[in-house]
Every structure is written in structure tokens, then in C-alpha cells.
PDB file of N, CA and C in Angstrom:
ATOM      1  N   UNK A   1      -4.755   1.074  -8.061  1.00  0.00           N
ATOM      2  CA  UNK A   1      -4.675   0.927  -6.408  1.00  0.00           C
ATOM      3  C   UNK A   1      -4.838   2.352  -5.875  1.00  0.00           C
ATOM      4  N   UNK A   2      -5.809   2.558  -4.996  1.00  0.00           N
ATOM      5  CA  UNK A   2      -5.971   3.779  -4.428  1.00  0.00           C
ATOM      6  C   UNK A   2      -4.953   4.168  -3.321  1.00  0.00           C
ATOM      7  N   UNK A   3      -4.954   5.562  -2.993  1.00  0.00           N
ATOM      8  CA  UNK A   3      -4.232   5.959  -1.907  1.00  0.00           C
ATOM      9  C   UNK A   3      -4.308   5.273  -0.710  1.00  0.00           C
ATOM     10  N   UNK A   4      -5.613   4.921  -0.370  1.00  0.00           N
ATOM     11  CA  UNK A   4      -5.829   4.485   0.967  1.00  0.00           C
ATOM     12  C   UNK A   4      -5.340   2.959   1.069  1.00  0.00           C
ATOM     13  N   UNK A   5      -5.404   2.252  -0.143  1.00  0.00           N
ATOM     14  CA  UNK A   5      -4.794   0.939  -0.191  1.00  0.00           C
ATOM     15  C   UNK A   5      -3.362   0.931   0.030  1.00  0.00           C
ATOM     16  N   UNK A   6      -2.625   2.002  -0.574  1.00  0.00           N
ATOM     17  CA  UNK A   6      -1.183   2.027  -0.284  1.00  0.00           C
ATOM     18  C   UNK A   6      -0.980   2.547   1.052  1.00  0.00           C
ATOM     19  N   UNK A   7      -1.797   3.218   1.680  1.00  0.00           N
ATOM     20  CA  UNK A   7      -1.449   3.600   3.114  1.00  0.00           C
ATOM     21  C   UNK A   7      -1.500   2.299   3.857  1.00  0.00           C
ATOM     22  N   UNK A   8      -2.506   1.329   3.663  1.00  0.00           N
ATOM     23  CA  UNK A   8      -2.752   0.053   4.312  1.00  0.00           C
ATOM     24  C   UNK A   8      -1.423  -0.650   4.090  1.00  0.00           C
ATOM     25  N   UNK A   9      -0.891  -0.753   2.890  1.00  0.00           N
ATOM     26  CA  UNK A   9       0.303  -1.643   2.797  1.00  0.00           C
ATOM     27  C   UNK A   9       1.493  -1.046   3.467  1.00  0.00           C
ATOM     28  N   UNK A  10       1.575   0.298   3.554  1.00  0.00           N
ATOM     29  CA  UNK A  10       2.712   0.792   4.206  1.00  0.00           C
ATOM     30  C   UNK A  10       2.658   0.627   5.628  1.00  0.00           C
ATOM     31  N   UNK A  11       1.407   0.591   6.265  1.00  0.00           N
ATOM     32  CA  UNK A  11       1.249   0.600   7.630  1.00  0.00           C
ATOM     33  C   UNK A  11       1.515  -0.955   7.950  1.00  0.00           C
ATOM     34  N   UNK A  12       1.059  -1.813   7.220  1.00  0.00           N
ATOM     35  CA  UNK A  12       1.383  -3.322   7.340  1.00  0.00           C
ATOM     36  C   UNK A  12       2.820  -3.547   7.355  1.00  0.00           C
ATOM     37  N   UNK A  13       3.531  -2.962   6.365  1.00  0.00           N
ATOM     38  CA  UNK A  13       4.961  -3.149   6.267  1.00  0.00           C
ATOM     39  C   UNK A  13       5.733  -2.457   7.629  1.00  0.00           C
ATOM     40  N   UNK A  14       5.202  -1.473   8.010  1.00  0.00           N
ATOM     41  CA  UNK A  14       5.654  -0.966   9.295  1.00  0.00           C
ATOM     42  C   UNK A  14       5.454  -1.828  10.486  1.00  0.00           C
ATOM     43  N   UNK A  15       4.321  -2.463  10.477  1.00  0.00           N
ATOM     44  CA  UNK A  15       3.964  -3.349  11.483  1.00  0.00           C
ATOM     45  C   UNK A  15       4.985  -4.590  11.469  1.00  0.00           C
ATOM     46  N   UNK A  16       5.263  -5.187  10.407  1.00  0.00           N
ATOM     47  CA  UNK A  16       6.237  -6.279  10.360  1.00  0.00           C
ATOM     48  C   UNK A  16       7.636  -5.819  10.867  1.00  0.00           C
ATOM     49  N   UNK A  17       8.020  -4.605  10.393  1.00  0.00           N
ATOM     50  CA  UNK A  17       9.241  -4.194  10.980  1.00  0.00           C
ATOM     51  C   UNK A  17       9.295  -3.744  12.372  1.00  0.00           C
ATOM     52  N   UNK A  18       8.092  -3.328  12.821  1.00  0.00           N
ATOM     53  CA  UNK A  18       8.026  -2.944  14.127  1.00  0.00           C
ATOM     54  C   UNK A  18       8.050  -4.167  15.149  1.00  0.00           C
ATOM     55  N   UNK A  19       7.684  -5.309  14.665  1.00  0.00           N
ATOM     56  CA  UNK A  19       7.882  -6.484  15.592  1.00  0.00           C
ATOM     57  C   UNK A  19       9.297  -6.685  16.044  1.00  0.00           C
ATOM     58  N   UNK A  20      10.229  -6.194  15.368  1.00  0.00           N
ATOM     59  CA  UNK A  20      11.678  -6.337  15.712  1.00  0.00           C
ATOM     60  C   UNK A  20      12.027  -5.229  16.882  1.00  0.00           C
ATOM     61  N   UNK A  21      11.167  -4.295  17.011  1.00  0.00           N
ATOM     62  CA  UNK A  21      11.490  -3.047  17.857  1.00  0.00           C
ATOM     63  C   UNK A  21      10.458  -3.024  18.900  1.00  0.00           C
ATOM     64  N   UNK A  22      10.672  -1.906  19.682  1.00  0.00           N
ATOM     65  CA  UNK A  22       9.711  -1.900  20.887  1.00  0.00           C
ATOM     66  C   UNK A  22       8.286  -1.144  20.535  1.00  0.00           C
ATOM     67  N   UNK A  23       8.163  -0.654  19.372  1.00  0.00           N
ATOM     68  CA  UNK A  23       7.021   0.003  18.955  1.00  0.00           C
ATOM     69  C   UNK A  23       6.033  -0.889  18.357  1.00  0.00           C
ATOM     70  N   UNK A  24       6.066  -2.288  18.448  1.00  0.00           N
ATOM     71  CA  UNK A  24       5.306  -3.308  17.902  1.00  0.00           C
ATOM     72  C   UNK A  24       3.740  -2.973  18.145  1.00  0.00           C
ATOM     73  N   UNK A  25       3.546  -2.595  19.355  1.00  0.00           N
ATOM     74  CA  UNK A  25       2.019  -2.311  19.816  1.00  0.00           C
ATOM     75  C   UNK A  25       1.582  -1.165  19.089  1.00  0.00           C
ATOM     76  N   UNK A  26       2.251  -0.089  18.918  1.00  0.00           N
ATOM     77  CA  UNK A  26       1.865   1.020  18.084  1.00  0.00           C
ATOM     78  C   UNK A  26       1.629   0.619  16.641  1.00  0.00           C
ATOM     79  N   UNK A  27       2.392  -0.124  16.084  1.00  0.00           N
ATOM     80  CA  UNK A  27       2.356  -0.648  14.795  1.00  0.00           C
ATOM     81  C   UNK A  27       1.070  -1.362  14.504  1.00  0.00           C
ATOM     82  N   UNK A  28       0.735  -2.254  15.503  1.00  0.00           N
ATOM     83  CA  UNK A  28      -0.400  -3.140  15.477  1.00  0.00           C
ATOM     84  C   UNK A  28      -1.665  -2.230  15.443  1.00  0.00           C
ATOM     85  N   UNK A  29      -1.695  -1.165  16.202  1.00  0.00           N
ATOM     86  CA  UNK A  29      -2.664  -0.323  16.322  1.00  0.00           C
ATOM     87  C   UNK A  29      -2.956   0.263  15.006  1.00  0.00           C
ATOM     88  N   UNK A  30      -1.833   0.844  14.489  1.00  0.00           N
ATOM     89  CA  UNK A  30      -2.036   1.534  13.054  1.00  0.00           C
ATOM     90  C   UNK A  30      -2.618   0.617  11.970  1.00  0.00           C
ATOM     91  N   UNK A  31      -2.204  -0.600  11.951  1.00  0.00           N
ATOM     92  CA  UNK A  31      -2.593  -1.627  11.147  1.00  0.00           C
ATOM     93  C   UNK A  31      -4.175  -1.839  11.310  1.00  0.00           C
ATOM     94  N   UNK A  32      -4.475  -1.987  12.558  1.00  0.00           N
ATOM     95  CA  UNK A  32      -5.909  -2.131  12.704  1.00  0.00           C
ATOM     96  C   UNK A  32      -6.707  -1.009  12.316  1.00  0.00           C
ATOM     97  N   UNK A  33      -6.223   0.156  12.719  1.00  0.00           N
ATOM     98  CA  UNK A  33      -6.910   1.413  12.162  1.00  0.00           C
ATOM     99  C   UNK A  33      -6.959   1.394  10.680  1.00  0.00           C
ATOM    100  N   UNK A  34      -5.910   0.969   9.963  1.00  0.00           N
ATOM    101  CA  UNK A  34      -5.989   1.153   8.499  1.00  0.00           C
ATOM    102  C   UNK A  34      -7.072   0.064   7.924  1.00  0.00           C
ATOM    103  N   UNK A  35      -7.384  -0.982   8.695  1.00  0.00           N
ATOM    104  CA  UNK A  35      -8.422  -1.772   8.191  1.00  0.00           C
ATOM    105  C   UNK A  35      -9.813  -1.215   8.186  1.00  0.00           C
ATOM    106  N   UNK A  36      -9.913  -0.206   9.254  1.00  0.00           N
ATOM    107  CA  UNK A  36     -11.322   0.323   9.310  1.00  0.00           C
ATOM    108  C   UNK A  36     -11.702   1.387   8.380  1.00  0.00           C
ATOM    109  N   UNK A  37     -10.548   1.824   7.482  1.00  0.00           N
ATOM    110  CA  UNK A  37     -10.890   2.800   6.578  1.00  0.00           C
ATOM    111  C   UNK A  37     -11.298   2.198   5.109  1.00  0.00           C
TER     112      UNK A  37
END
């Protein structure tokens, strides 16, 4: 597993956690950005 793949997973996990908070939109943006790399 490469570092970039780990970053993707971390960002996706943050996205899921972010849905409970007010930063869900930012988390979604990070997840989308992760997919472009």
C-alpha cells in the first residue's frame, strides 16, 4: 500500500466522521481531492 493510498483512506475516514459535524463539506472536498491524485 502506497503512502498516497493511505492518505486516501485517512481522508475518507475523516469524511465519514465529518458527516456528524459541521465540517462535512470540507471533508467531502478533501475526499474528492484525494481521488484526483
